[in-house]
Amino acid sequence: MLTNKTPWIILLVLWMAGSTWWHVCKIKQLCPEFATADTNAQSTADTPAQTPTLTISDGDRFRQAFPGTIQFPRSGANAGLNGLGGTLDSLVTYLKANPGRTLTITGYYDLTETNPTSFDNLGLARAEALKQYLVGQGVPTASLATQGRVQNDLTFDGDSLVDGLAFAFGTGEPAPAEPKPAAPDTTATVPASTSVAAPLSAEETALLPKTEEGLAKAEKFTSVFEPIDLYFPLAEANFIRTDETQKFFKEAAAYLAEHKDKRLVVTGYTDSAGPDDVNQRLSRDRANTVKARLRRAGIDAGQIEVIAKGEADPKASNETREGRRANRRVSVVVK
């Protein structure tokens, strides 16, 4: 009789053991393997995620570390400085005191992002955003260069890019010292009502060269009394030199040396992207950069007049990228 019940008793014991194991290990998770996993998970949870940091350094000359980074919105170019955890005042002071050093700002972007700006890529737009901020703090334009670079392993925190800029110092051409006594400030701001030729039509704009180099080479020298436009490669402070611009400046230098009552007018322009006051300042900075180069070439500072027109008097339509590129220029003419 007992022999007949033995299989059932064994099954009952196995069922009770299995039920107990399931309740303790699976439901209560009190078995050692789950306790270890829990402990590891808790340990991981207790370890805070590392916050990205930013360090800007120029070898042994300068170093500034921040507990945070400059952030950008996904598919955006507005620099968020609040995440830095500090100010850029030390960097501004260093660049202003060391005009022989050039800071190159590299902006990164992901190919999945869209570019709503007028710049060729979003990385360049981000670098330019910080450059404009530094220029607004008094850093010379010639001390800053920008470039954009695609990178597919960028770190996003939600919709914010947390580490979208890189910084590298190099040797730049220092700005010339002002003569003593200093020449009077000949920088002027000309209202948009100045009489100029009408901008090119959309059809004419579409036929313009597609690069700054192409635009520069398309300029032809006819006379020092006829304006010639200067263009700048991306992320460069020096204008693109061509045989035609060399002819212009050689003739202009010779003419001005013999006619002290004449002057070389240097007029800076921008496209229509960005605030008016920023564009006005940028056009003045770039024109002053050309003035500095001309002074090194031997032209008297008193015979160089700088005019800042900002986005006024466009050469082409600002509705297209080609037009905006053509409008970012400096015009020179003898008067």
C-alpha atoms as a PDB file:
ATOM      1  CA  MET A   1       0.000   0.000   0.000  1.00  0.00           C
ATOM      2  CA  LEU A   2       2.841   2.337   0.890  1.00  0.00           C
ATOM      3  CA  THR A   3       4.659   1.336  -2.286  1.00  0.00           C
ATOM      4  CA  ASN A   4       1.716   2.583  -4.362  1.00  0.00           C
ATOM      5  CA  LYS A   5       1.804   6.007  -2.632  1.00  0.00           C
ATOM      6  CA  THR A   6       5.558   6.542  -2.905  1.00  0.00           C
ATOM      7  CA  PRO A   7       5.536   8.245  -6.378  1.00  0.00           C
ATOM      8  CA  TRP A   8       2.842  10.635  -5.222  1.00  0.00           C
ATOM      9  CA  ILE A   9       4.749  11.482  -2.074  1.00  0.00           C
ATOM     10  CA  ILE A  10       7.890  12.208  -4.147  1.00  0.00           C
ATOM     11  CA  LEU A  11       5.910  14.406  -6.522  1.00  0.00           C
ATOM     12  CA  LEU A  12       4.381  16.286  -3.591  1.00  0.00           C
ATOM     13  CA  VAL A  13       7.805  16.920  -2.049  1.00  0.00           C
ATOM     14  CA  LEU A  14       9.202  18.127  -5.396  1.00  0.00           C
ATOM     15  CA  TRP A  15       6.231  20.402  -5.909  1.00  0.00           C
ATOM     16  CA  MET A  16       6.592  21.882  -2.423  1.00  0.00           C
ATOM     17  CA  ALA A  17      10.363  22.394  -2.924  1.00  0.00           C
ATOM     18  CA  GLY A  18       9.826  23.991  -6.321  1.00  0.00           C
ATOM     19  CA  SER A  19       7.115  26.260  -5.009  1.00  0.00           C
ATOM     20  CA  THR A  20       9.268  27.311  -2.086  1.00  0.00           C
ATOM     21  CA  TRP A  21      12.241  28.043  -4.389  1.00  0.00           C
ATOM     22  CA  TRP A  22      10.078  30.063  -6.786  1.00  0.00           C
ATOM     23  CA  HIS A  23       8.562  32.095  -3.954  1.00  0.00           C
ATOM     24  CA  VAL A  24      11.891  32.801  -2.212  1.00  0.00           C
ATOM     25  CA  CYS A  25      14.148  33.269  -5.251  1.00  0.00           C
ATOM     26  CA  LYS A  26      11.893  34.552  -7.991  1.00  0.00           C
ATOM     27  CA  ILE A  27       9.275  36.498  -6.099  1.00  0.00           C
ATOM     28  CA  LYS A  28      11.173  37.598  -2.991  1.00  0.00           C
ATOM     29  CA  GLN A  29      14.550  37.583  -4.853  1.00  0.00           C
ATOM     30  CA  LEU A  30      16.351  36.518  -1.679  1.00  0.00           C
ATOM     31  CA  CYS A  31      18.632  33.941  -3.264  1.00  0.00           C
ATOM     32  CA  PRO A  32      22.369  34.849  -3.408  1.00  0.00           C
ATOM     33  CA  GLU A  33      22.518  35.391  -7.179  1.00  0.00           C
ATOM     34  CA  PHE A  34      19.738  37.990  -7.048  1.00  0.00           C
ATOM     35  CA  ALA A  35      21.231  39.629  -3.987  1.00  0.00           C
ATOM     36  CA  THR A  36      24.532  40.012  -5.864  1.00  0.00           C
ATOM     37  CA  ALA A  37      22.801  41.481  -8.889  1.00  0.00           C
ATOM     38  CA  ASP A  38      20.874  43.852  -6.660  1.00  0.00           C
ATOM     39  CA  THR A  39      24.053  44.881  -4.915  1.00  0.00           C
ATOM     40  CA  ASN A  40      25.788  45.564  -8.243  1.00  0.00           C
ATOM     41  CA  ALA A  41      22.807  47.523  -9.519  1.00  0.00           C
ATOM     42  CA  GLN A  42      22.691  49.550  -6.320  1.00  0.00           C
ATOM     43  CA  SER A  43      26.430  50.182  -6.546  1.00  0.00           C
ATOM     44  CA  THR A  44      26.056  51.365 -10.124  1.00  0.00           C
ATOM     45  CA  ALA A  45      23.136  53.571  -9.223  1.00  0.00           C
ATOM     46  CA  ASP A  46      25.093  55.097  -6.364  1.00  0.00           C
ATOM     47  CA  THR A  47      27.967  56.039  -8.686  1.00  0.00           C
ATOM     48  CA  PRO A  48      27.186  59.464 -10.137  1.00  0.00           C
ATOM     49  CA  ALA A  49      27.508  59.926 -13.917  1.00  0.00           C
ATOM     50  CA  GLN A  50      30.551  61.926 -14.886  1.00  0.00           C
ATOM     51  CA  THR A  51      29.710  65.461 -15.981  1.00  0.00           C
ATOM     52  CA  PRO A  52      31.555  66.650 -19.119  1.00  0.00           C
ATOM     53  CA  THR A  53      34.104  69.375 -18.412  1.00  0.00           C
ATOM     54  CA  LEU A  54      35.959  71.908 -20.564  1.00  0.00           C
ATOM     55  CA  THR A  55      39.585  73.019 -20.427  1.00  0.00           C
ATOM     56  CA  ILE A  56      41.018  75.760 -22.653  1.00  0.00           C
ATOM     57  CA  SER A  57      44.812  75.954 -22.609  1.00  0.00           C
ATOM     58  CA  ASP A  58      47.689  77.507 -24.511  1.00  0.00           C
ATOM     59  CA  GLY A  59      50.564  75.336 -23.330  1.00  0.00           C
ATOM     60  CA  ASP A  60      52.216  76.825 -20.254  1.00  0.00           C
ATOM     61  CA  ARG A  61      51.031  80.320 -21.128  1.00  0.00           C
ATOM     62  CA  PHE A  62      47.365  79.993 -20.230  1.00  0.00           C
ATOM     63  CA  ARG A  63      44.975  77.450 -18.791  1.00  0.00           C
ATOM     64  CA  GLN A  64      41.348  77.739 -17.714  1.00  0.00           C
ATOM     65  CA  ALA A  65      39.253  74.775 -16.585  1.00  0.00           C
ATOM     66  CA  PHE A  66      35.483  74.760 -16.228  1.00  0.00           C
ATOM     67  CA  PRO A  67      33.277  72.286 -14.343  1.00  0.00           C
ATOM     68  CA  GLY A  68      30.831  72.237 -17.264  1.00  0.00           C
ATOM     69  CA  THR A  69      30.701  72.842 -21.032  1.00  0.00           C
ATOM     70  CA  ILE A  70      29.215  75.197 -23.611  1.00  0.00           C
ATOM     71  CA  GLN A  71      25.960  73.639 -24.751  1.00  0.00           C
ATOM     72  CA  PHE A  72      23.986  73.931 -27.976  1.00  0.00           C
ATOM     73  CA  PRO A  73      20.447  72.850 -28.832  1.00  0.00           C
ATOM     74  CA  ARG A  74      20.158  69.951 -31.227  1.00  0.00           C
ATOM     75  CA  SER A  75      20.151  71.410 -34.759  1.00  0.00           C
ATOM     76  CA  GLY A  76      20.828  74.854 -33.266  1.00  0.00           C
ATOM     77  CA  ALA A  77      23.729  77.295 -33.056  1.00  0.00           C
ATOM     78  CA  ASN A  78      22.917  79.412 -29.997  1.00  0.00           C
ATOM     79  CA  ALA A  79      25.742  78.972 -27.485  1.00  0.00           C
ATOM     80  CA  GLY A  80      24.548  78.261 -23.945  1.00  0.00           C
ATOM     81  CA  LEU A  81      27.200  79.567 -21.551  1.00  0.00           C
ATOM     82  CA  ASN A  82      25.233  78.903 -18.369  1.00  0.00           C
ATOM     83  CA  GLY A  83      26.404  75.291 -18.299  1.00  0.00           C
ATOM     84  CA  LEU A  84      30.075  76.305 -18.091  1.00  0.00           C
ATOM     85  CA  GLY A  85      30.000  76.976 -14.372  1.00  0.00           C
ATOM     86  CA  GLY A  86      32.219  80.026 -14.874  1.00  0.00           C
ATOM     87  CA  THR A  87      32.944  82.986 -17.146  1.00  0.00           C
ATOM     88  CA  LEU A  88      35.286  83.423 -20.090  1.00  0.00           C
ATOM     89  CA  ASP A  89      36.724  86.657 -18.697  1.00  0.00           C
ATOM     90  CA  SER A  90      40.202  85.160 -18.209  1.00  0.00           C
ATOM     91  CA  LEU A  91      40.273  83.943 -21.817  1.00  0.00           C
ATOM     92  CA  VAL A  92      39.173  87.359 -23.070  1.00  0.00           C
ATOM     93  CA  THR A  93      41.874  89.082 -21.022  1.00  0.00           C
ATOM     94  CA  TYR A  94      44.543  86.671 -22.288  1.00  0.00           C
ATOM     95  CA  LEU A  95      43.629  87.129 -25.964  1.00  0.00           C
ATOM     96  CA  LYS A  96      43.486  90.909 -25.648  1.00  0.00           C
ATOM     97  CA  ALA A  97      46.913  90.955 -23.974  1.00  0.00           C
ATOM     98  CA  ASN A  98      48.484  88.547 -26.489  1.00  0.00           C
ATOM     99  CA  PRO A  99      47.617  89.654 -30.049  1.00  0.00           C
ATOM    100  CA  GLY A 100      50.290  87.310 -31.384  1.00  0.00           C
ATOM    101  CA  ARG A 101      48.274  84.256 -30.345  1.00  0.00           C
ATOM    102  CA  THR A 102      45.378  82.971 -32.445  1.00  0.00           C
ATOM    103  CA  LEU A 103      42.570  80.842 -31.022  1.00  0.00           C
ATOM    104  CA  THR A 104      40.918  78.438 -33.462  1.00  0.00           C
ATOM    105  CA  ILE A 105      37.399  77.421 -32.415  1.00  0.00           C
ATOM    106  CA  THR A 106      36.163  74.167 -33.948  1.00  0.00           C
ATOM    107  CA  GLY A 107      32.437  73.544 -33.912  1.00  0.00           C
ATOM    108  CA  TYR A 108      31.147  69.987 -34.199  1.00  0.00           C
ATOM    109  CA  TYR A 109      27.909  68.746 -35.688  1.00  0.00           C
ATOM    110  CA  ASP A 110      26.188  65.441 -36.422  1.00  0.00           C
ATOM    111  CA  LEU A 111      24.985  64.510 -39.894  1.00  0.00           C
ATOM    112  CA  THR A 112      21.545  63.770 -38.453  1.00  0.00           C
ATOM    113  CA  GLU A 113      21.166  67.432 -37.430  1.00  0.00           C
ATOM    114  CA  THR A 114      19.616  70.046 -39.701  1.00  0.00           C
ATOM    115  CA  ASN A 115      21.341  73.352 -40.432  1.00  0.00           C
ATOM    116  CA  PRO A 116      18.925  76.306 -40.121  1.00  0.00           C
ATOM    117  CA  THR A 117      21.737  78.899 -40.429  1.00  0.00           C
ATOM    118  CA  SER A 118      23.294  80.689 -43.396  1.00  0.00           C
ATOM    119  CA  PHE A 119      26.683  79.080 -42.719  1.00  0.00           C
ATOM    120  CA  ASP A 120      27.935  76.173 -44.787  1.00  0.00           C
ATOM    121  CA  ASN A 121      27.517  73.755 -41.886  1.00  0.00           C
ATOM    122  CA  LEU A 122      26.157  73.764 -38.349  1.00  0.00           C
ATOM    123  CA  GLY A 123      29.573  73.232 -36.766  1.00  0.00           C
ATOM    124  CA  LEU A 124      30.883  76.446 -38.311  1.00  0.00           C
ATOM    125  CA  ALA A 125      27.756  78.284 -37.168  1.00  0.00           C
ATOM    126  CA  ARG A 126      28.357  77.109 -33.599  1.00  0.00           C
ATOM    127  CA  ALA A 127      31.988  78.205 -33.688  1.00  0.00           C
ATOM    128  CA  GLU A 128      30.975  81.576 -35.123  1.00  0.00           C
ATOM    129  CA  ALA A 129      28.400  82.036 -32.353  1.00  0.00           C
ATOM    130  CA  LEU A 130      31.111  81.847 -29.708  1.00  0.00           C
ATOM    131  CA  LYS A 131      33.447  83.981 -31.816  1.00  0.00           C
ATOM    132  CA  GLN A 132      30.818  86.714 -31.981  1.00  0.00           C
ATOM    133  CA  TYR A 133      30.455  86.574 -28.209  1.00  0.00           C
ATOM    134  CA  LEU A 134      34.224  86.927 -27.692  1.00  0.00           C
ATOM    135  CA  VAL A 135      34.451  89.774 -30.212  1.00  0.00           C
ATOM    136  CA  GLY A 136      31.650  91.468 -28.303  1.00  0.00           C
ATOM    137  CA  GLN A 137      33.788  91.220 -25.166  1.00  0.00           C
ATOM    138  CA  GLY A 138      36.636  93.041 -26.902  1.00  0.00           C
ATOM    139  CA  VAL A 139      38.722  90.232 -28.407  1.00  0.00           C
ATOM    140  CA  PRO A 140      40.232  91.309 -31.779  1.00  0.00           C
ATOM    141  CA  THR A 141      38.676  89.530 -34.737  1.00  0.00           C
ATOM    142  CA  ALA A 142      42.138  88.738 -36.096  1.00  0.00           C
ATOM    143  CA  SER A 143      42.844  86.700 -32.938  1.00  0.00           C
ATOM    144  CA  LEU A 144      40.011  84.270 -33.658  1.00  0.00           C
ATOM    145  CA  ALA A 145      39.501  81.655 -36.363  1.00  0.00           C
ATOM    146  CA  THR A 146      36.599  79.241 -36.777  1.00  0.00           C
ATOM    147  CA  GLN A 147      35.944  75.959 -38.533  1.00  0.00           C
ATOM    148  CA  GLY A 148      33.249  73.279 -38.615  1.00  0.00           C
ATOM    149  CA  ARG A 149      33.756  69.524 -38.475  1.00  0.00           C
ATOM    150  CA  VAL A 150      31.351  66.608 -38.647  1.00  0.00           C
ATOM    151  CA  GLN A 151      31.557  64.065 -35.824  1.00  0.00           C
ATOM    152  CA  ASN A 152      29.178  61.174 -35.323  1.00  0.00           C
ATOM    153  CA  ASP A 153      29.921  60.286 -31.685  1.00  0.00           C
ATOM    154  CA  LEU A 154      28.744  63.530 -30.121  1.00  0.00           C
ATOM    155  CA  THR A 155      27.195  63.490 -26.653  1.00  0.00           C
ATOM    156  CA  PHE A 156      23.626  64.725 -26.362  1.00  0.00           C
ATOM    157  CA  ASP A 157      21.776  65.198 -23.085  1.00  0.00           C
ATOM    158  CA  GLY A 158      18.202  65.100 -24.274  1.00  0.00           C
ATOM    159  CA  ASP A 159      18.080  67.783 -26.956  1.00  0.00           C
ATOM    160  CA  SER A 160      21.294  69.524 -25.835  1.00  0.00           C
ATOM    161  CA  LEU A 161      24.767  68.974 -27.298  1.00  0.00           C
ATOM    162  CA  VAL A 162      27.022  69.071 -24.245  1.00  0.00           C
ATOM    163  CA  ASP A 163      30.487  69.084 -25.822  1.00  0.00           C
ATOM    164  CA  GLY A 164      30.266  70.742 -29.219  1.00  0.00           C
ATOM    165  CA  LEU A 165      33.403  72.919 -29.317  1.00  0.00           C
ATOM    166  CA  ALA A 166      37.160  72.397 -29.334  1.00  0.00           C
ATOM    167  CA  PHE A 167      39.871  75.015 -28.878  1.00  0.00           C
ATOM    168  CA  ALA A 168      43.427  75.218 -30.219  1.00  0.00           C
ATOM    169  CA  PHE A 169      45.956  78.033 -29.966  1.00  0.00           C
ATOM    170  CA  GLY A 170      48.507  78.943 -32.587  1.00  0.00           C
ATOM    171  CA  THR A 171      50.770  81.748 -33.655  1.00  0.00           C
ATOM    172  CA  GLY A 172      49.018  84.571 -35.416  1.00  0.00           C
ATOM    173  CA  GLU A 173      50.203  87.775 -37.008  1.00  0.00           C
ATOM    174  CA  PRO A 174      50.105  90.434 -34.275  1.00  0.00           C
ATOM    175  CA  ALA A 175      48.216  93.625 -34.852  1.00  0.00           C
ATOM    176  CA  PRO A 176      50.490  96.596 -35.578  1.00  0.00           C
ATOM    177  CA  ALA A 177      51.205  99.090 -32.840  1.00  0.00           C
ATOM    178  CA  GLU A 178      49.482 102.419 -33.234  1.00  0.00           C
ATOM    179  CA  PRO A 179      51.833 105.291 -34.052  1.00  0.00           C
ATOM    180  CA  LYS A 180      52.318 108.043 -31.480  1.00  0.00           C
ATOM    181  CA  PRO A 181      50.436 110.265 -31.538  1.00  0.00           C
ATOM    182  CA  ALA A 182      47.643 107.957 -32.653  1.00  0.00           C
ATOM    183  CA  ALA A 183      45.870 108.728 -35.882  1.00  0.00           C
ATOM    184  CA  PRO A 184      42.297 109.924 -35.443  1.00  0.00           C
ATOM    185  CA  ASP A 185      39.582 107.300 -35.645  1.00  0.00           C
ATOM    186  CA  THR A 186      38.344 107.276 -39.224  1.00  0.00           C
ATOM    187  CA  THR A 187      35.800 104.503 -38.718  1.00  0.00           C
ATOM    188  CA  ALA A 188      32.377 105.567 -39.870  1.00  0.00           C
ATOM    189  CA  THR A 189      28.915 104.077 -39.972  1.00  0.00           C
ATOM    190  CA  VAL A 190      27.089 104.874 -43.195  1.00  0.00           C
ATOM    191  CA  PRO A 191      23.292 104.716 -43.327  1.00  0.00           C
ATOM    192  CA  ALA A 192      21.606 102.303 -45.703  1.00  0.00           C
ATOM    193  CA  SER A 193      20.310 105.200 -47.823  1.00  0.00           C
ATOM    194  CA  THR A 194      23.688 105.678 -49.512  1.00  0.00           C
ATOM    195  CA  SER A 195      23.248 105.406 -53.275  1.00  0.00           C
ATOM    196  CA  VAL A 196      24.511 102.077 -54.577  1.00  0.00           C
ATOM    197  CA  ALA A 197      23.752  99.719 -57.420  1.00  0.00           C
ATOM    198  CA  ALA A 198      20.721  97.491 -57.020  1.00  0.00           C
ATOM    199  CA  PRO A 199      21.495  93.950 -55.814  1.00  0.00           C
ATOM    200  CA  LEU A 200      21.713  91.172 -58.354  1.00  0.00           C
ATOM    201  CA  SER A 201      18.528  89.374 -59.288  1.00  0.00           C
ATOM    202  CA  ALA A 202      17.905  85.776 -58.213  1.00  0.00           C
ATOM    203  CA  GLU A 203      18.902  84.574 -61.681  1.00  0.00           C
ATOM    204  CA  GLU A 204      22.141  86.589 -61.610  1.00  0.00           C
ATOM    205  CA  THR A 205      22.896  85.462 -58.052  1.00  0.00           C
ATOM    206  CA  ALA A 206      22.586  81.819 -59.103  1.00  0.00           C
ATOM    207  CA  LEU A 207      25.420  82.374 -61.602  1.00  0.00           C
ATOM    208  CA  LEU A 208      27.859  83.612 -58.942  1.00  0.00           C
ATOM    209  CA  PRO A 209      30.878  81.448 -58.005  1.00  0.00           C
ATOM    210  CA  LYS A 210      30.063  78.918 -55.286  1.00  0.00           C
ATOM    211  CA  THR A 211      33.096  79.571 -53.067  1.00  0.00           C
ATOM    212  CA  GLU A 212      34.879  82.545 -51.530  1.00  0.00           C
ATOM    213  CA  GLU A 213      37.936  81.686 -53.621  1.00  0.00           C
ATOM    214  CA  GLY A 214      35.820  81.764 -56.772  1.00  0.00           C
ATOM    215  CA  LEU A 215      34.324  85.117 -55.844  1.00  0.00           C
ATOM    216  CA  ALA A 216      37.780  86.572 -55.173  1.00  0.00           C
ATOM    217  CA  LYS A 217      39.149  85.363 -58.512  1.00  0.00           C
ATOM    218  CA  ALA A 218      36.161  86.823 -60.347  1.00  0.00           C
ATOM    219  CA  GLU A 219      37.100  90.356 -59.219  1.00  0.00           C
ATOM    220  CA  LYS A 220      38.990  92.320 -61.909  1.00  0.00           C
ATOM    221  CA  PHE A 221      41.198  95.385 -61.491  1.00  0.00           C
ATOM    222  CA  THR A 222      40.449  98.296 -63.820  1.00  0.00           C
ATOM    223  CA  SER A 223      41.441 101.375 -61.824  1.00  0.00           C
ATOM    224  CA  VAL A 224      42.138 102.358 -58.224  1.00  0.00           C
ATOM    225  CA  PHE A 225      39.079 104.600 -58.541  1.00  0.00           C
ATOM    226  CA  GLU A 226      36.832 101.593 -59.209  1.00  0.00           C
ATOM    227  CA  PRO A 227      35.897  99.448 -56.172  1.00  0.00           C
ATOM    228  CA  ILE A 228      37.235  95.925 -55.924  1.00  0.00           C
ATOM    229  CA  ASP A 229      35.767  93.433 -53.449  1.00  0.00           C
ATOM    230  CA  LEU A 230      37.875  91.325 -51.094  1.00  0.00           C
ATOM    231  CA  TYR A 231      36.731  87.926 -49.817  1.00  0.00           C
ATOM    232  CA  PHE A 232      37.935  85.795 -46.946  1.00  0.00           C
ATOM    233  CA  PRO A 233      38.282  82.005 -46.745  1.00  0.00           C
ATOM    234  CA  LEU A 234      36.255  80.399 -43.989  1.00  0.00           C
ATOM    235  CA  ALA A 235      37.919  80.622 -40.580  1.00  0.00           C
ATOM    236  CA  GLU A 236      40.621  83.001 -41.884  1.00  0.00           C
ATOM    237  CA  ALA A 237      41.406  86.600 -40.940  1.00  0.00           C
ATOM    238  CA  ASN A 238      43.410  87.361 -44.112  1.00  0.00           C
ATOM    239  CA  PHE A 239      41.634  88.157 -47.355  1.00  0.00           C
ATOM    240  CA  ILE A 240      42.249  86.032 -50.440  1.00  0.00           C
ATOM    241  CA  ARG A 241      45.056  87.549 -52.499  1.00  0.00           C
ATOM    242  CA  THR A 242      44.848  87.349 -56.272  1.00  0.00           C
ATOM    243  CA  ASP A 243      46.859  88.909 -59.104  1.00  0.00           C
ATOM    244  CA  GLU A 244      44.080  91.458 -59.530  1.00  0.00           C
ATOM    245  CA  THR A 245      44.065  92.571 -55.878  1.00  0.00           C
ATOM    246  CA  GLN A 246      47.865  92.762 -55.934  1.00  0.00           C
ATOM    247  CA  LYS A 247      47.659  95.096 -58.937  1.00  0.00           C
ATOM    248  CA  PHE A 248      45.105  97.247 -57.148  1.00  0.00           C
ATOM    249  CA  PHE A 249      47.133  97.675 -53.960  1.00  0.00           C
ATOM    250  CA  LYS A 250      50.402  98.270 -55.812  1.00  0.00           C
ATOM    251  CA  GLU A 251      48.800 101.038 -57.849  1.00  0.00           C
ATOM    252  CA  ALA A 252      46.937 102.434 -54.840  1.00  0.00           C
ATOM    253  CA  ALA A 253      50.090 102.574 -52.674  1.00  0.00           C
ATOM    254  CA  ALA A 254      51.996 104.420 -55.401  1.00  0.00           C
ATOM    255  CA  TYR A 255      49.153 106.859 -56.041  1.00  0.00           C
ATOM    256  CA  LEU A 256      48.539 107.620 -52.354  1.00  0.00           C
ATOM    257  CA  ALA A 257      52.249 108.196 -51.751  1.00  0.00           C
ATOM    258  CA  GLU A 258      52.146 111.018 -54.302  1.00  0.00           C
ATOM    259  CA  HIS A 259      48.712 112.369 -53.361  1.00  0.00           C
ATOM    260  CA  LYS A 260      48.542 112.884 -49.603  1.00  0.00           C
ATOM    261  CA  ASP A 261      45.128 114.519 -49.888  1.00  0.00           C
ATOM    262  CA  LYS A 262      43.580 111.286 -51.198  1.00  0.00           C
ATOM    263  CA  ARG A 263      42.464 108.308 -49.163  1.00  0.00           C
ATOM    264  CA  LEU A 264      41.768 104.610 -49.508  1.00  0.00           C
ATOM    265  CA  VAL A 265      38.219 103.800 -48.392  1.00  0.00           C
ATOM    266  CA  VAL A 266      37.762 100.326 -46.859  1.00  0.00           C
ATOM    267  CA  THR A 267      34.099  99.338 -46.464  1.00  0.00           C
ATOM    268  CA  GLY A 268      32.941  96.236 -44.611  1.00  0.00           C
ATOM    269  CA  TYR A 269      29.701  94.393 -45.343  1.00  0.00           C
ATOM    270  CA  THR A 270      27.865  91.357 -43.972  1.00  0.00           C
ATOM    271  CA  ASP A 271      24.852  89.332 -45.010  1.00  0.00           C
ATOM    272  CA  SER A 272      21.477  89.791 -43.311  1.00  0.00           C
ATOM    273  CA  ALA A 273      21.790  86.836 -40.916  1.00  0.00           C
ATOM    274  CA  GLY A 274      22.006  87.846 -37.264  1.00  0.00           C
ATOM    275  CA  PRO A 275      21.160  91.006 -35.274  1.00  0.00           C
ATOM    276  CA  ASP A 276      21.847  94.390 -36.883  1.00  0.00           C
ATOM    277  CA  ASP A 277      24.244  95.558 -34.160  1.00  0.00           C
ATOM    278  CA  VAL A 278      26.289  92.361 -34.402  1.00  0.00           C
ATOM    279  CA  ASN A 279      26.506  92.663 -38.191  1.00  0.00           C
ATOM    280  CA  GLN A 280      27.560  96.296 -37.869  1.00  0.00           C
ATOM    281  CA  ARG A 281      30.359  95.316 -35.497  1.00  0.00           C
ATOM    282  CA  LEU A 282      31.458  92.365 -37.626  1.00  0.00           C
ATOM    283  CA  SER A 283      31.676  94.494 -40.765  1.00  0.00           C
ATOM    284  CA  ARG A 284      33.788  97.043 -38.898  1.00  0.00           C
ATOM    285  CA  ASP A 285      36.095  94.371 -37.459  1.00  0.00           C
ATOM    286  CA  ARG A 286      36.764  92.790 -40.829  1.00  0.00           C
ATOM    287  CA  ALA A 287      37.373  96.174 -42.486  1.00  0.00           C
ATOM    288  CA  ASN A 288      39.798  97.077 -39.694  1.00  0.00           C
ATOM    289  CA  THR A 289      41.603  93.792 -40.305  1.00  0.00           C
ATOM    290  CA  VAL A 290      42.140  94.823 -43.930  1.00  0.00           C
ATOM    291  CA  LYS A 291      43.295  98.256 -42.767  1.00  0.00           C
ATOM    292  CA  ALA A 292      45.927  96.635 -40.533  1.00  0.00           C
ATOM    293  CA  ARG A 293      47.252  94.603 -43.466  1.00  0.00           C
ATOM    294  CA  LEU A 294      47.407  97.713 -45.666  1.00  0.00           C
ATOM    295  CA  ARG A 295      49.357  99.628 -43.056  1.00  0.00           C
ATOM    296  CA  ARG A 296      51.925  96.848 -43.006  1.00  0.00           C
ATOM    297  CA  ALA A 297      52.179  97.289 -46.762  1.00  0.00           C
ATOM    298  CA  GLY A 298      53.310 100.889 -46.197  1.00  0.00           C
ATOM    299  CA  ILE A 299      50.102 102.873 -46.708  1.00  0.00           C
ATOM    300  CA  ASP A 300      49.787 105.758 -44.239  1.00  0.00           C
ATOM    301  CA  ALA A 301      47.134 105.111 -41.569  1.00  0.00           C
ATOM    302  CA  GLY A 302      45.849 108.655 -42.025  1.00  0.00           C
ATOM    303  CA  GLN A 303      45.012 107.859 -45.648  1.00  0.00           C
ATOM    304  CA  ILE A 304      42.875 104.819 -44.805  1.00  0.00           C
ATOM    305  CA  GLU A 305      39.221 105.358 -43.956  1.00  0.00           C
ATOM    306  CA  VAL A 306      37.175 102.486 -42.550  1.00  0.00           C
ATOM    307  CA  ILE A 307      33.422 102.373 -43.077  1.00  0.00           C
ATOM    308  CA  ALA A 308      31.104  99.787 -41.523  1.00  0.00           C
ATOM    309  CA  LYS A 309      27.852  99.170 -43.384  1.00  0.00           C
ATOM    310  CA  GLY A 310      26.776  95.870 -41.843  1.00  0.00           C
ATOM    311  CA  GLU A 311      24.004  94.319 -43.880  1.00  0.00           C
ATOM    312  CA  ALA A 312      23.222  97.517 -45.808  1.00  0.00           C
ATOM    313  CA  ASP A 313      23.784  97.770 -49.568  1.00  0.00           C
ATOM    314  CA  PRO A 314      23.805  94.042 -50.391  1.00  0.00           C
ATOM    315  CA  LYS A 315      25.619  93.015 -53.544  1.00  0.00           C
ATOM    316  CA  ALA A 316      23.237  90.101 -54.121  1.00  0.00           C
ATOM    317  CA  SER A 317      20.009  88.728 -52.712  1.00  0.00           C
ATOM    318  CA  ASN A 318      20.220  87.491 -49.119  1.00  0.00           C
ATOM    319  CA  GLU A 319      17.541  84.916 -49.889  1.00  0.00           C
ATOM    320  CA  THR A 320      20.090  82.355 -51.122  1.00  0.00           C
ATOM    321  CA  ARG A 321      23.321  80.950 -49.712  1.00  0.00           C
ATOM    322  CA  GLU A 322      25.220  82.144 -52.798  1.00  0.00           C
ATOM    323  CA  GLY A 323      23.912  85.652 -52.313  1.00  0.00           C
ATOM    324  CA  ARG A 324      24.779  85.766 -48.624  1.00  0.00           C
ATOM    325  CA  ARG A 325      28.284  84.500 -49.409  1.00  0.00           C
ATOM    326  CA  ALA A 326      28.764  87.290 -51.985  1.00  0.00           C
ATOM    327  CA  ASN A 327      27.557  89.906 -49.504  1.00  0.00           C
ATOM    328  CA  ARG A 328      30.170  88.992 -46.863  1.00  0.00           C
ATOM    329  CA  ARG A 329      32.923  91.181 -48.302  1.00  0.00           C
ATOM    330  CA  VAL A 330      35.182  94.210 -47.885  1.00  0.00           C
ATOM    331  CA  SER A 331      35.282  96.780 -50.685  1.00  0.00           C
ATOM    332  CA  VAL A 332      38.309  99.041 -51.322  1.00  0.00           C
ATOM    333  CA  VAL A 333      38.566 102.124 -53.544  1.00  0.00           C
ATOM    334  CA  VAL A 334      40.646 105.298 -53.751  1.00  0.00           C
ATOM    335  CA  LYS A 335      38.780 108.607 -53.407  1.00  0.00           C
END
